[in-house]
N, C-alpha and C. Protein backbone atom coordinates (compact mmCIF):
# COMPACT_ATOMS: atom_id res chain seq x y z
N MET A 1 -21.49 -21.24 -47.49
CA MET A 1 -22.01 -21.58 -46.17
C MET A 1 -22.96 -22.78 -46.27
N LYS A 2 -22.86 -23.67 -45.33
CA LYS A 2 -23.72 -24.85 -45.33
C LYS A 2 -25.04 -24.53 -44.62
N ILE A 3 -26.12 -25.00 -45.21
CA ILE A 3 -27.44 -24.79 -44.62
C ILE A 3 -27.99 -26.13 -44.13
N ARG A 4 -28.16 -26.26 -42.83
CA ARG A 4 -28.74 -27.47 -42.27
C ARG A 4 -30.26 -27.37 -42.24
N LYS A 5 -30.74 -26.16 -41.97
CA LYS A 5 -32.18 -25.97 -41.82
C LYS A 5 -32.53 -24.52 -42.12
N ALA A 6 -33.64 -24.31 -42.81
CA ALA A 6 -34.13 -22.96 -43.07
C ALA A 6 -35.64 -23.02 -43.18
N GLU A 7 -36.31 -22.19 -42.41
CA GLU A 7 -37.77 -22.21 -42.46
C GLU A 7 -38.34 -20.81 -42.22
N LEU A 8 -39.49 -20.58 -42.85
CA LEU A 8 -40.23 -19.34 -42.60
C LEU A 8 -40.92 -19.49 -41.25
N GLU A 9 -40.43 -18.73 -40.27
CA GLU A 9 -40.89 -18.92 -38.90
C GLU A 9 -41.99 -17.94 -38.51
N THR A 10 -41.87 -16.68 -38.94
CA THR A 10 -42.84 -15.66 -38.52
C THR A 10 -43.16 -14.75 -39.70
N VAL A 11 -44.45 -14.42 -39.83
CA VAL A 11 -44.91 -13.46 -40.84
C VAL A 11 -45.63 -12.34 -40.11
N CYS A 12 -45.15 -11.11 -40.29
CA CYS A 12 -45.72 -9.96 -39.58
C CYS A 12 -46.44 -9.04 -40.57
N GLY A 13 -47.68 -8.73 -40.26
CA GLY A 13 -48.44 -7.78 -41.04
C GLY A 13 -48.49 -6.43 -40.35
N ILE A 14 -49.46 -5.62 -40.77
CA ILE A 14 -49.56 -4.24 -40.29
C ILE A 14 -49.69 -4.18 -38.77
N THR A 15 -50.54 -5.03 -38.21
CA THR A 15 -50.82 -4.95 -36.78
C THR A 15 -50.12 -6.03 -35.96
N SER A 16 -49.29 -6.84 -36.60
CA SER A 16 -48.64 -7.94 -35.89
C SER A 16 -47.61 -7.45 -34.89
N ARG A 17 -47.45 -8.19 -33.84
CA ARG A 17 -46.41 -7.91 -32.86
C ARG A 17 -45.09 -8.48 -33.37
N LEU A 18 -44.02 -7.71 -33.25
CA LEU A 18 -42.73 -8.19 -33.70
C LEU A 18 -42.25 -9.35 -32.83
N PRO A 19 -41.63 -10.36 -33.42
CA PRO A 19 -41.13 -11.48 -32.62
C PRO A 19 -39.97 -11.05 -31.74
N GLU A 20 -39.85 -11.67 -30.59
CA GLU A 20 -38.75 -11.37 -29.68
C GLU A 20 -37.67 -12.44 -29.88
N ASN A 21 -36.96 -12.32 -30.99
CA ASN A 21 -35.95 -13.31 -31.34
C ASN A 21 -34.72 -13.17 -30.44
N LYS A 22 -34.03 -14.28 -30.26
CA LYS A 22 -32.84 -14.31 -29.43
C LYS A 22 -31.56 -14.36 -30.26
N ARG A 23 -31.71 -14.47 -31.56
CA ARG A 23 -30.56 -14.53 -32.45
C ARG A 23 -30.51 -13.28 -33.33
N GLY A 24 -29.32 -13.01 -33.87
CA GLY A 24 -29.14 -11.84 -34.71
C GLY A 24 -30.00 -11.88 -35.96
N GLU A 25 -30.39 -10.71 -36.43
CA GLU A 25 -31.21 -10.57 -37.63
C GLU A 25 -30.48 -9.73 -38.67
N VAL A 26 -30.62 -10.12 -39.93
CA VAL A 26 -30.15 -9.29 -41.05
C VAL A 26 -31.34 -9.09 -41.97
N ALA A 27 -31.61 -7.86 -42.35
CA ALA A 27 -32.79 -7.54 -43.15
C ALA A 27 -32.40 -7.23 -44.59
N PHE A 28 -33.32 -7.57 -45.51
CA PHE A 28 -33.12 -7.32 -46.93
C PHE A 28 -34.26 -6.47 -47.47
N ALA A 29 -33.90 -5.33 -48.07
CA ALA A 29 -34.88 -4.41 -48.64
C ALA A 29 -34.55 -4.19 -50.11
N GLY A 30 -35.56 -3.80 -50.87
CA GLY A 30 -35.34 -3.51 -52.28
C GLY A 30 -36.65 -3.24 -52.97
N LYS A 31 -36.57 -2.53 -54.09
CA LYS A 31 -37.79 -2.24 -54.82
C LYS A 31 -38.39 -3.52 -55.40
N SER A 32 -39.66 -3.47 -55.73
CA SER A 32 -40.36 -4.61 -56.27
C SER A 32 -39.68 -5.10 -57.55
N ASN A 33 -39.53 -6.40 -57.65
CA ASN A 33 -38.98 -7.04 -58.84
C ASN A 33 -37.48 -6.81 -59.02
N VAL A 34 -36.76 -6.50 -57.95
CA VAL A 34 -35.32 -6.29 -58.05
C VAL A 34 -34.55 -7.60 -57.94
N GLY A 35 -35.26 -8.68 -57.57
CA GLY A 35 -34.60 -9.98 -57.45
C GLY A 35 -34.35 -10.40 -56.01
N LYS A 36 -35.10 -9.83 -55.07
CA LYS A 36 -34.88 -10.14 -53.65
C LYS A 36 -35.22 -11.59 -53.32
N SER A 37 -36.34 -12.08 -53.83
CA SER A 37 -36.72 -13.46 -53.54
C SER A 37 -35.72 -14.45 -54.14
N SER A 38 -35.21 -14.15 -55.32
CA SER A 38 -34.22 -15.02 -55.95
C SER A 38 -32.94 -15.07 -55.11
N LEU A 39 -32.52 -13.92 -54.57
CA LEU A 39 -31.34 -13.89 -53.72
C LEU A 39 -31.58 -14.69 -52.44
N ILE A 40 -32.73 -14.50 -51.81
CA ILE A 40 -33.02 -15.20 -50.56
C ILE A 40 -33.05 -16.71 -50.78
N ASN A 41 -33.68 -17.15 -51.86
CA ASN A 41 -33.70 -18.59 -52.15
C ASN A 41 -32.30 -19.13 -52.38
N ALA A 42 -31.45 -18.34 -53.04
CA ALA A 42 -30.07 -18.77 -53.28
C ALA A 42 -29.30 -18.85 -51.96
N LEU A 43 -29.48 -17.86 -51.09
CA LEU A 43 -28.81 -17.88 -49.80
C LEU A 43 -29.22 -19.09 -48.96
N LEU A 44 -30.50 -19.42 -49.01
CA LEU A 44 -31.03 -20.51 -48.19
C LEU A 44 -30.95 -21.86 -48.89
N ASN A 45 -30.41 -21.85 -50.11
CA ASN A 45 -30.28 -23.08 -50.89
C ASN A 45 -31.62 -23.79 -51.06
N ARG A 46 -32.63 -22.99 -51.36
CA ARG A 46 -33.97 -23.52 -51.60
C ARG A 46 -34.48 -22.95 -52.93
N LYS A 47 -35.36 -23.69 -53.58
CA LYS A 47 -35.87 -23.23 -54.87
C LYS A 47 -37.01 -22.24 -54.73
N SER A 48 -37.83 -22.42 -53.71
CA SER A 48 -39.03 -21.57 -53.65
C SER A 48 -39.49 -21.28 -52.23
N LEU A 49 -38.56 -21.22 -51.27
CA LEU A 49 -38.96 -20.86 -49.91
C LEU A 49 -39.49 -19.43 -49.89
N ALA A 50 -38.77 -18.54 -50.55
CA ALA A 50 -39.29 -17.19 -50.79
C ALA A 50 -39.91 -17.20 -52.18
N ARG A 51 -41.17 -16.84 -52.28
CA ARG A 51 -41.87 -16.95 -53.56
C ARG A 51 -41.40 -15.90 -54.56
N VAL A 52 -41.00 -16.38 -55.73
CA VAL A 52 -40.60 -15.49 -56.81
C VAL A 52 -41.81 -15.24 -57.68
N SER A 53 -42.16 -13.98 -57.85
CA SER A 53 -43.37 -13.66 -58.60
C SER A 53 -43.06 -12.75 -59.78
N GLN A 54 -43.78 -12.94 -60.86
CA GLN A 54 -43.68 -12.03 -62.00
C GLN A 54 -44.49 -10.76 -61.77
N LYS A 55 -45.27 -10.77 -60.71
CA LYS A 55 -46.09 -9.60 -60.37
C LYS A 55 -45.41 -8.80 -59.28
N PRO A 56 -44.89 -7.60 -59.61
CA PRO A 56 -44.22 -6.79 -58.60
C PRO A 56 -45.17 -6.42 -57.45
N GLY A 57 -44.57 -6.14 -56.29
CA GLY A 57 -45.36 -5.73 -55.14
C GLY A 57 -46.00 -6.88 -54.40
N LYS A 58 -45.50 -8.11 -54.62
CA LYS A 58 -46.13 -9.29 -54.03
C LYS A 58 -45.94 -9.35 -52.51
N THR A 59 -44.71 -9.07 -52.05
CA THR A 59 -44.42 -9.17 -50.63
C THR A 59 -44.95 -7.94 -49.89
N GLN A 60 -45.96 -8.13 -49.05
CA GLN A 60 -46.53 -7.02 -48.29
C GLN A 60 -46.49 -7.28 -46.79
N THR A 61 -45.64 -8.24 -46.40
CA THR A 61 -45.45 -8.56 -44.99
C THR A 61 -43.95 -8.59 -44.70
N ILE A 62 -43.60 -8.62 -43.42
CA ILE A 62 -42.21 -8.81 -43.01
C ILE A 62 -42.06 -10.28 -42.67
N ASN A 63 -41.20 -10.96 -43.40
CA ASN A 63 -41.06 -12.41 -43.25
C ASN A 63 -39.73 -12.75 -42.58
N PHE A 64 -39.81 -13.54 -41.51
CA PHE A 64 -38.63 -13.93 -40.74
C PHE A 64 -38.28 -15.38 -41.04
N TYR A 65 -37.12 -15.59 -41.66
CA TYR A 65 -36.63 -16.94 -41.96
C TYR A 65 -35.56 -17.31 -40.94
N HIS A 66 -35.79 -18.42 -40.22
CA HIS A 66 -34.82 -18.88 -39.22
C HIS A 66 -33.84 -19.82 -39.92
N ILE A 67 -32.56 -19.46 -39.86
CA ILE A 67 -31.52 -20.23 -40.52
C ILE A 67 -30.71 -21.03 -39.50
N ASN A 68 -30.57 -22.32 -39.76
CA ASN A 68 -29.68 -23.18 -38.98
C ASN A 68 -29.91 -23.10 -37.47
N GLU A 69 -31.16 -23.25 -37.08
CA GLU A 69 -31.50 -23.26 -35.66
C GLU A 69 -30.69 -24.33 -34.94
N GLY A 70 -30.02 -23.93 -33.87
CA GLY A 70 -29.25 -24.87 -33.06
C GLY A 70 -27.81 -25.07 -33.48
N VAL A 71 -27.40 -24.51 -34.62
CA VAL A 71 -26.01 -24.63 -35.04
C VAL A 71 -25.12 -23.83 -34.09
N THR A 72 -24.03 -24.44 -33.64
CA THR A 72 -23.15 -23.79 -32.67
C THR A 72 -22.12 -22.90 -33.36
N GLN A 73 -21.51 -22.03 -32.57
CA GLN A 73 -20.44 -21.18 -33.10
C GLN A 73 -19.29 -22.02 -33.62
N GLU A 74 -19.01 -23.11 -32.94
CA GLU A 74 -17.93 -24.01 -33.36
C GLU A 74 -18.21 -24.60 -34.74
N GLU A 75 -19.45 -25.01 -34.97
CA GLU A 75 -19.81 -25.56 -36.28
C GLU A 75 -19.71 -24.50 -37.37
N THR A 76 -20.06 -23.28 -37.01
CA THR A 76 -19.94 -22.18 -37.98
C THR A 76 -18.50 -21.92 -38.34
N ASP A 77 -17.63 -21.86 -37.32
CA ASP A 77 -16.23 -21.52 -37.54
C ASP A 77 -15.43 -22.66 -38.16
N GLU A 78 -15.67 -23.90 -37.70
CA GLU A 78 -14.81 -25.01 -38.10
C GLU A 78 -15.39 -25.86 -39.23
N LYS A 79 -16.72 -25.90 -39.36
CA LYS A 79 -17.32 -26.78 -40.35
C LYS A 79 -18.02 -26.04 -41.48
N GLY A 80 -18.00 -24.71 -41.40
CA GLY A 80 -18.53 -23.92 -42.50
C GLY A 80 -20.04 -23.78 -42.55
N PHE A 81 -20.72 -24.08 -41.43
CA PHE A 81 -22.17 -23.89 -41.41
C PHE A 81 -22.50 -22.41 -41.26
N ALA A 82 -23.58 -21.99 -41.90
CA ALA A 82 -24.08 -20.64 -41.67
C ALA A 82 -24.48 -20.51 -40.21
N PRO A 83 -24.32 -19.33 -39.62
CA PRO A 83 -24.67 -19.15 -38.21
C PRO A 83 -26.18 -19.25 -37.98
N ASP A 84 -26.54 -19.58 -36.75
CA ASP A 84 -27.93 -19.58 -36.31
C ASP A 84 -28.38 -18.12 -36.24
N CYS A 85 -29.24 -17.72 -37.17
CA CYS A 85 -29.65 -16.31 -37.23
C CYS A 85 -30.97 -16.20 -38.00
N TYR A 86 -31.44 -14.98 -38.16
CA TYR A 86 -32.68 -14.72 -38.90
C TYR A 86 -32.40 -13.86 -40.12
N LEU A 87 -32.95 -14.28 -41.24
CA LEU A 87 -32.95 -13.47 -42.45
C LEU A 87 -34.35 -12.86 -42.55
N VAL A 88 -34.41 -11.53 -42.63
CA VAL A 88 -35.69 -10.82 -42.59
C VAL A 88 -35.96 -10.18 -43.95
N ASP A 89 -37.04 -10.59 -44.57
CA ASP A 89 -37.43 -10.10 -45.90
C ASP A 89 -38.45 -8.98 -45.72
N LEU A 90 -38.04 -7.75 -46.08
CA LEU A 90 -38.93 -6.60 -45.97
C LEU A 90 -39.75 -6.44 -47.24
N PRO A 91 -40.92 -5.81 -47.16
CA PRO A 91 -41.78 -5.65 -48.34
C PRO A 91 -41.09 -4.86 -49.46
N GLY A 92 -41.34 -5.25 -50.70
CA GLY A 92 -40.82 -4.49 -51.83
C GLY A 92 -41.50 -3.14 -51.93
N TYR A 93 -40.78 -2.15 -52.41
CA TYR A 93 -41.31 -0.79 -52.49
C TYR A 93 -41.25 -0.27 -53.92
N GLY A 94 -41.94 0.84 -54.16
CA GLY A 94 -41.78 1.57 -55.41
C GLY A 94 -42.60 1.07 -56.57
N TYR A 95 -43.54 0.14 -56.35
CA TYR A 95 -44.34 -0.35 -57.48
C TYR A 95 -45.62 0.45 -57.59
N ALA A 96 -45.85 1.02 -58.76
CA ALA A 96 -46.99 1.92 -58.95
C ALA A 96 -48.33 1.20 -58.82
N GLY A 97 -48.35 -0.12 -59.06
CA GLY A 97 -49.62 -0.86 -59.03
C GLY A 97 -50.14 -1.15 -57.64
N VAL A 98 -49.33 -0.88 -56.61
CA VAL A 98 -49.79 -1.10 -55.24
C VAL A 98 -50.69 0.07 -54.83
N PRO A 99 -51.88 -0.23 -54.30
CA PRO A 99 -52.80 0.85 -53.90
C PRO A 99 -52.16 1.81 -52.90
N GLU A 100 -52.56 3.06 -52.97
CA GLU A 100 -51.97 4.08 -52.11
C GLU A 100 -52.14 3.76 -50.63
N GLU A 101 -53.29 3.17 -50.26
CA GLU A 101 -53.49 2.84 -48.85
C GLU A 101 -52.51 1.79 -48.37
N GLU A 102 -52.11 0.88 -49.29
CA GLU A 102 -51.11 -0.12 -48.94
C GLU A 102 -49.76 0.53 -48.73
N LYS A 103 -49.40 1.46 -49.63
CA LYS A 103 -48.13 2.17 -49.50
C LYS A 103 -48.07 2.94 -48.19
N ALA A 104 -49.19 3.55 -47.82
CA ALA A 104 -49.24 4.36 -46.59
C ALA A 104 -49.01 3.50 -45.36
N ARG A 105 -49.45 2.24 -45.40
CA ARG A 105 -49.27 1.35 -44.25
C ARG A 105 -47.88 0.72 -44.23
N TRP A 106 -47.26 0.60 -45.39
CA TRP A 106 -45.98 -0.06 -45.50
C TRP A 106 -44.90 0.65 -44.70
N GLY A 107 -44.80 1.98 -44.84
CA GLY A 107 -43.75 2.74 -44.19
C GLY A 107 -43.73 2.58 -42.68
N PRO A 108 -44.84 2.85 -41.99
CA PRO A 108 -44.85 2.70 -40.54
C PRO A 108 -44.54 1.28 -40.09
N MET A 109 -44.97 0.26 -40.86
CA MET A 109 -44.70 -1.12 -40.49
C MET A 109 -43.20 -1.40 -40.50
N VAL A 110 -42.52 -0.97 -41.56
CA VAL A 110 -41.08 -1.20 -41.66
C VAL A 110 -40.32 -0.36 -40.64
N GLU A 111 -40.76 0.89 -40.46
CA GLU A 111 -40.08 1.74 -39.48
C GLU A 111 -40.22 1.18 -38.07
N ARG A 112 -41.38 0.61 -37.78
CA ARG A 112 -41.57 -0.03 -36.47
C ARG A 112 -40.58 -1.17 -36.28
N TYR A 113 -40.32 -1.89 -37.35
CA TYR A 113 -39.35 -2.99 -37.26
C TYR A 113 -37.94 -2.45 -37.07
N LEU A 114 -37.54 -1.45 -37.90
CA LEU A 114 -36.20 -0.91 -37.81
C LEU A 114 -35.93 -0.31 -36.43
N HIS A 115 -36.95 0.31 -35.85
CA HIS A 115 -36.81 0.90 -34.52
C HIS A 115 -36.95 -0.14 -33.41
N GLY A 116 -37.84 -1.12 -33.63
CA GLY A 116 -38.24 -1.99 -32.54
C GLY A 116 -37.45 -3.27 -32.37
N SER A 117 -36.77 -3.72 -33.42
CA SER A 117 -36.04 -4.98 -33.29
C SER A 117 -34.77 -4.78 -32.46
N GLU A 118 -34.61 -5.61 -31.45
CA GLU A 118 -33.41 -5.54 -30.61
C GLU A 118 -32.28 -6.39 -31.18
N GLN A 119 -32.57 -7.19 -32.20
CA GLN A 119 -31.57 -8.11 -32.74
C GLN A 119 -31.09 -7.74 -34.14
N LEU A 120 -31.64 -6.68 -34.73
CA LEU A 120 -31.25 -6.32 -36.09
C LEU A 120 -29.80 -5.86 -36.11
N ARG A 121 -28.99 -6.52 -36.94
CA ARG A 121 -27.56 -6.24 -36.99
C ARG A 121 -27.12 -5.52 -38.26
N ALA A 122 -27.85 -5.74 -39.37
CA ALA A 122 -27.44 -5.12 -40.63
C ALA A 122 -28.64 -5.10 -41.58
N VAL A 123 -28.62 -4.11 -42.49
CA VAL A 123 -29.67 -4.00 -43.50
C VAL A 123 -28.99 -3.98 -44.88
N PHE A 124 -29.39 -4.92 -45.72
CA PHE A 124 -28.91 -4.98 -47.10
C PHE A 124 -29.96 -4.34 -48.01
N LEU A 125 -29.50 -3.46 -48.88
CA LEU A 125 -30.40 -2.79 -49.82
C LEU A 125 -30.05 -3.25 -51.23
N LEU A 126 -31.02 -3.85 -51.92
CA LEU A 126 -30.81 -4.35 -53.27
C LEU A 126 -31.17 -3.29 -54.30
N VAL A 127 -30.29 -3.09 -55.27
CA VAL A 127 -30.56 -2.19 -56.39
C VAL A 127 -30.22 -2.92 -57.68
N ASP A 128 -30.82 -2.50 -58.76
CA ASP A 128 -30.60 -3.11 -60.08
C ASP A 128 -29.31 -2.55 -60.68
N ILE A 129 -28.34 -3.42 -60.92
CA ILE A 129 -27.03 -2.98 -61.40
C ILE A 129 -27.11 -2.33 -62.78
N ARG A 130 -28.16 -2.60 -63.52
CA ARG A 130 -28.27 -2.10 -64.90
C ARG A 130 -28.57 -0.61 -64.97
N HIS A 131 -29.06 -0.04 -63.85
CA HIS A 131 -29.49 1.35 -63.87
C HIS A 131 -28.96 2.11 -62.65
N GLU A 132 -28.91 3.41 -62.75
CA GLU A 132 -28.63 4.21 -61.57
C GLU A 132 -29.76 4.02 -60.55
N PRO A 133 -29.46 4.13 -59.27
CA PRO A 133 -30.52 4.03 -58.27
C PRO A 133 -31.65 5.01 -58.55
N THR A 134 -32.88 4.53 -58.39
CA THR A 134 -34.05 5.37 -58.63
C THR A 134 -34.28 6.31 -57.45
N ARG A 135 -35.23 7.21 -57.63
CA ARG A 135 -35.60 8.11 -56.54
C ARG A 135 -36.06 7.31 -55.32
N ASN A 136 -36.82 6.24 -55.57
CA ASN A 136 -37.27 5.39 -54.46
C ASN A 136 -36.10 4.71 -53.76
N ASP A 137 -35.09 4.28 -54.55
CA ASP A 137 -33.90 3.69 -53.95
C ASP A 137 -33.18 4.69 -53.06
N LEU A 138 -33.04 5.91 -53.57
CA LEU A 138 -32.38 6.96 -52.79
C LEU A 138 -33.13 7.25 -51.49
N GLN A 139 -34.46 7.32 -51.58
CA GLN A 139 -35.27 7.58 -50.40
C GLN A 139 -35.12 6.46 -49.38
N MET A 140 -35.10 5.20 -49.88
CA MET A 140 -34.96 4.07 -48.98
C MET A 140 -33.59 4.06 -48.32
N TYR A 141 -32.56 4.37 -49.10
CA TYR A 141 -31.21 4.43 -48.55
C TYR A 141 -31.13 5.47 -47.43
N GLU A 142 -31.68 6.64 -47.70
CA GLU A 142 -31.65 7.71 -46.70
C GLU A 142 -32.49 7.37 -45.49
N TRP A 143 -33.61 6.69 -45.72
CA TRP A 143 -34.50 6.32 -44.63
C TRP A 143 -33.84 5.29 -43.71
N ILE A 144 -33.20 4.28 -44.30
CA ILE A 144 -32.50 3.27 -43.50
C ILE A 144 -31.39 3.95 -42.69
N THR A 145 -30.67 4.86 -43.34
CA THR A 145 -29.59 5.58 -42.64
C THR A 145 -30.14 6.40 -41.48
N ALA A 146 -31.28 7.06 -41.71
CA ALA A 146 -31.90 7.87 -40.67
C ALA A 146 -32.35 7.03 -39.48
N ASN A 147 -32.58 5.74 -39.72
CA ASN A 147 -33.00 4.84 -38.65
C ASN A 147 -31.81 4.15 -37.97
N GLY A 148 -30.61 4.62 -38.27
CA GLY A 148 -29.45 4.16 -37.52
C GLY A 148 -28.61 3.07 -38.15
N PHE A 149 -28.86 2.73 -39.41
CA PHE A 149 -28.11 1.67 -40.07
C PHE A 149 -27.44 2.19 -41.33
N LYS A 150 -26.29 1.64 -41.64
CA LYS A 150 -25.60 1.95 -42.89
C LYS A 150 -25.91 0.83 -43.87
N PRO A 151 -26.76 1.07 -44.86
CA PRO A 151 -27.16 -0.01 -45.76
C PRO A 151 -25.96 -0.59 -46.52
N ILE A 152 -25.96 -1.91 -46.67
CA ILE A 152 -24.97 -2.60 -47.49
C ILE A 152 -25.63 -2.87 -48.84
N ILE A 153 -25.04 -2.39 -49.91
CA ILE A 153 -25.66 -2.47 -51.22
C ILE A 153 -25.35 -3.81 -51.89
N ILE A 154 -26.40 -4.44 -52.42
CA ILE A 154 -26.25 -5.60 -53.28
C ILE A 154 -26.81 -5.21 -54.65
N ALA A 155 -25.94 -5.21 -55.64
CA ALA A 155 -26.34 -4.86 -57.00
C ALA A 155 -26.74 -6.14 -57.74
N THR A 156 -28.03 -6.29 -57.98
CA THR A 156 -28.55 -7.53 -58.56
C THR A 156 -28.57 -7.48 -60.09
N LYS A 157 -28.90 -8.65 -60.66
CA LYS A 157 -29.06 -8.81 -62.11
C LYS A 157 -27.75 -8.61 -62.88
N LYS A 158 -26.65 -9.00 -62.24
CA LYS A 158 -25.33 -8.88 -62.87
C LYS A 158 -25.26 -9.66 -64.18
N ASP A 159 -25.98 -10.76 -64.25
CA ASP A 159 -25.95 -11.60 -65.45
C ASP A 159 -26.58 -10.91 -66.65
N LYS A 160 -27.28 -9.81 -66.43
CA LYS A 160 -27.91 -9.07 -67.53
C LYS A 160 -26.95 -8.09 -68.21
N LEU A 161 -25.75 -7.94 -67.64
CA LEU A 161 -24.77 -7.01 -68.19
C LEU A 161 -23.61 -7.75 -68.86
N LYS A 162 -22.94 -7.06 -69.76
CA LYS A 162 -21.67 -7.56 -70.27
C LYS A 162 -20.61 -7.34 -69.19
N LYS A 163 -19.60 -8.20 -69.17
CA LYS A 163 -18.56 -8.08 -68.15
C LYS A 163 -17.89 -6.71 -68.18
N SER A 164 -17.77 -6.16 -69.37
CA SER A 164 -17.11 -4.86 -69.52
C SER A 164 -17.90 -3.71 -68.92
N GLN A 165 -19.19 -3.95 -68.64
CA GLN A 165 -20.06 -2.89 -68.12
C GLN A 165 -20.13 -2.87 -66.59
N VAL A 166 -19.74 -3.97 -65.95
CA VAL A 166 -19.99 -4.13 -64.51
C VAL A 166 -19.31 -3.07 -63.68
N ALA A 167 -18.00 -2.88 -63.88
CA ALA A 167 -17.25 -1.94 -63.04
C ALA A 167 -17.80 -0.53 -63.16
N GLY A 168 -18.12 -0.10 -64.36
CA GLY A 168 -18.66 1.24 -64.56
C GLY A 168 -20.01 1.43 -63.90
N ASN A 169 -20.86 0.42 -63.97
CA ASN A 169 -22.18 0.53 -63.36
C ASN A 169 -22.09 0.55 -61.84
N LEU A 170 -21.19 -0.26 -61.28
CA LEU A 170 -21.00 -0.24 -59.83
C LEU A 170 -20.48 1.13 -59.37
N SER A 171 -19.59 1.70 -60.15
CA SER A 171 -19.06 3.03 -59.83
C SER A 171 -20.17 4.07 -59.86
N ALA A 172 -21.09 3.95 -60.82
CA ALA A 172 -22.20 4.89 -60.91
C ALA A 172 -23.13 4.78 -59.71
N ILE A 173 -23.33 3.56 -59.23
CA ILE A 173 -24.17 3.35 -58.05
C ILE A 173 -23.52 3.97 -56.83
N ARG A 174 -22.22 3.74 -56.67
CA ARG A 174 -21.50 4.34 -55.53
C ARG A 174 -21.61 5.87 -55.56
N LYS A 175 -21.45 6.43 -56.73
CA LYS A 175 -21.50 7.89 -56.85
C LYS A 175 -22.88 8.42 -56.51
N LYS A 176 -23.92 7.76 -57.01
CA LYS A 176 -25.28 8.22 -56.78
C LYS A 176 -25.67 8.15 -55.31
N LEU A 177 -25.19 7.10 -54.62
CA LEU A 177 -25.55 6.91 -53.21
C LEU A 177 -24.50 7.45 -52.26
N HIS A 178 -23.43 8.05 -52.81
CA HIS A 178 -22.35 8.61 -51.99
C HIS A 178 -21.73 7.56 -51.09
N ILE A 179 -21.40 6.41 -51.68
CA ILE A 179 -20.77 5.31 -50.95
C ILE A 179 -19.27 5.35 -51.20
N ARG A 180 -18.49 5.36 -50.14
CA ARG A 180 -17.04 5.41 -50.27
C ARG A 180 -16.48 4.12 -50.89
N ALA A 181 -15.31 4.22 -51.46
CA ALA A 181 -14.69 3.06 -52.12
C ALA A 181 -14.36 1.95 -51.13
N ASP A 182 -14.15 2.30 -49.85
CA ASP A 182 -13.80 1.28 -48.87
C ASP A 182 -15.02 0.66 -48.19
N GLU A 183 -16.23 1.09 -48.56
CA GLU A 183 -17.45 0.51 -48.00
C GLU A 183 -17.91 -0.65 -48.88
N PRO A 184 -18.39 -1.72 -48.25
CA PRO A 184 -18.71 -2.93 -49.02
C PRO A 184 -19.88 -2.76 -49.98
N MET A 185 -19.75 -3.38 -51.14
CA MET A 185 -20.83 -3.48 -52.11
C MET A 185 -20.64 -4.81 -52.83
N VAL A 186 -21.74 -5.51 -53.06
CA VAL A 186 -21.67 -6.82 -53.70
C VAL A 186 -22.49 -6.81 -54.98
N SER A 187 -21.93 -7.36 -56.05
CA SER A 187 -22.71 -7.57 -57.28
C SER A 187 -23.12 -9.04 -57.30
N PHE A 188 -24.38 -9.31 -57.66
CA PHE A 188 -24.93 -10.66 -57.56
C PHE A 188 -25.62 -11.09 -58.84
N SER A 189 -25.39 -12.34 -59.22
CA SER A 189 -26.06 -12.95 -60.35
C SER A 189 -26.92 -14.11 -59.88
N ALA A 190 -28.21 -14.06 -60.15
CA ALA A 190 -29.10 -15.15 -59.76
C ALA A 190 -28.83 -16.41 -60.59
N GLU A 191 -28.28 -16.24 -61.76
CA GLU A 191 -28.01 -17.39 -62.63
C GLU A 191 -26.76 -18.14 -62.21
N SER A 192 -25.65 -17.43 -62.05
CA SER A 192 -24.38 -18.08 -61.72
C SER A 192 -24.12 -18.16 -60.22
N LYS A 193 -24.90 -17.43 -59.42
CA LYS A 193 -24.74 -17.30 -57.98
C LYS A 193 -23.46 -16.55 -57.60
N GLU A 194 -22.86 -15.87 -58.56
CA GLU A 194 -21.68 -15.06 -58.27
C GLU A 194 -22.05 -13.95 -57.28
N GLY A 195 -21.26 -13.81 -56.25
CA GLY A 195 -21.51 -12.82 -55.22
C GLY A 195 -22.14 -13.39 -53.97
N LEU A 196 -22.63 -14.63 -54.06
CA LEU A 196 -23.35 -15.23 -52.93
C LEU A 196 -22.44 -15.39 -51.71
N ASP A 197 -21.21 -15.85 -51.93
CA ASP A 197 -20.29 -16.04 -50.81
C ASP A 197 -19.98 -14.71 -50.12
N ASP A 198 -19.91 -13.64 -50.92
CA ASP A 198 -19.64 -12.32 -50.33
C ASP A 198 -20.79 -11.86 -49.44
N VAL A 199 -22.02 -12.12 -49.88
CA VAL A 199 -23.19 -11.76 -49.05
C VAL A 199 -23.17 -12.55 -47.76
N TRP A 200 -22.87 -13.85 -47.85
CA TRP A 200 -22.82 -14.69 -46.65
C TRP A 200 -21.73 -14.20 -45.69
N ARG A 201 -20.59 -13.82 -46.22
CA ARG A 201 -19.50 -13.34 -45.37
C ARG A 201 -19.94 -12.10 -44.59
N LEU A 202 -20.60 -11.18 -45.28
CA LEU A 202 -21.07 -9.96 -44.62
C LEU A 202 -22.16 -10.25 -43.60
N MET A 203 -23.03 -11.21 -43.91
CA MET A 203 -24.06 -11.61 -42.95
C MET A 203 -23.43 -12.21 -41.71
N LYS A 204 -22.48 -13.12 -41.92
CA LYS A 204 -21.81 -13.77 -40.78
C LYS A 204 -21.10 -12.73 -39.92
N ASP A 205 -20.38 -11.81 -40.56
CA ASP A 205 -19.68 -10.78 -39.81
C ASP A 205 -20.65 -9.96 -38.96
N ALA A 206 -21.83 -9.69 -39.53
CA ALA A 206 -22.80 -8.86 -38.82
C ALA A 206 -23.37 -9.55 -37.59
N VAL A 207 -23.70 -10.82 -37.72
CA VAL A 207 -24.39 -11.50 -36.61
C VAL A 207 -23.46 -12.12 -35.60
N THR A 208 -22.16 -12.23 -35.93
CA THR A 208 -21.22 -12.86 -35.00
C THR A 208 -20.21 -11.89 -34.43
N GLU A 209 -20.24 -10.62 -34.89
CA GLU A 209 -19.24 -9.68 -34.37
C GLU A 209 -19.46 -9.45 -32.89
N LYS A 210 -18.35 -9.34 -32.19
CA LYS A 210 -18.40 -9.22 -30.73
C LYS A 210 -18.79 -7.82 -30.31
């Protein structure tokens, strides 16, 4: 997908009012240090629009990135531009170093977004392909489902595995999360960008479906 423009438009904290966007939104969730910022930068074709940190638990706000403002449906369909939409980066979860009071505020903030956004079309949940989903991953998956969305799984850090291990690890993730074989799942490598086109296709389908 071609990116003409991408910018961090809105940052929402605990007490912030949610933006009343007019374009579709796709949200990305995942535990701290799962590679969410690396994926977002790859999607937006930027090196550091989303800050990549060696310190887990860095993202404690909901960040709204406006992609390709003003791009028409015709440009998306005929010229390969990404659609005019919002990519929403949710706070990372599951890091023990985050103070308990911060964790307590995180849940209601995200739930307010999942319930309150009128433009949210899909939620992507990132998990580490090297391991079975953690208890926190399972809780997040169930929580997103309880809020009315079927999470789309992105298995990150594919470059850390041998090719012979990938299929088995993806199968283990599906089994742990009870995901059917016909439901989409993407494996992603931050190094080779393998899987990026698949994520874009699912994003486009979500925000442009009639």
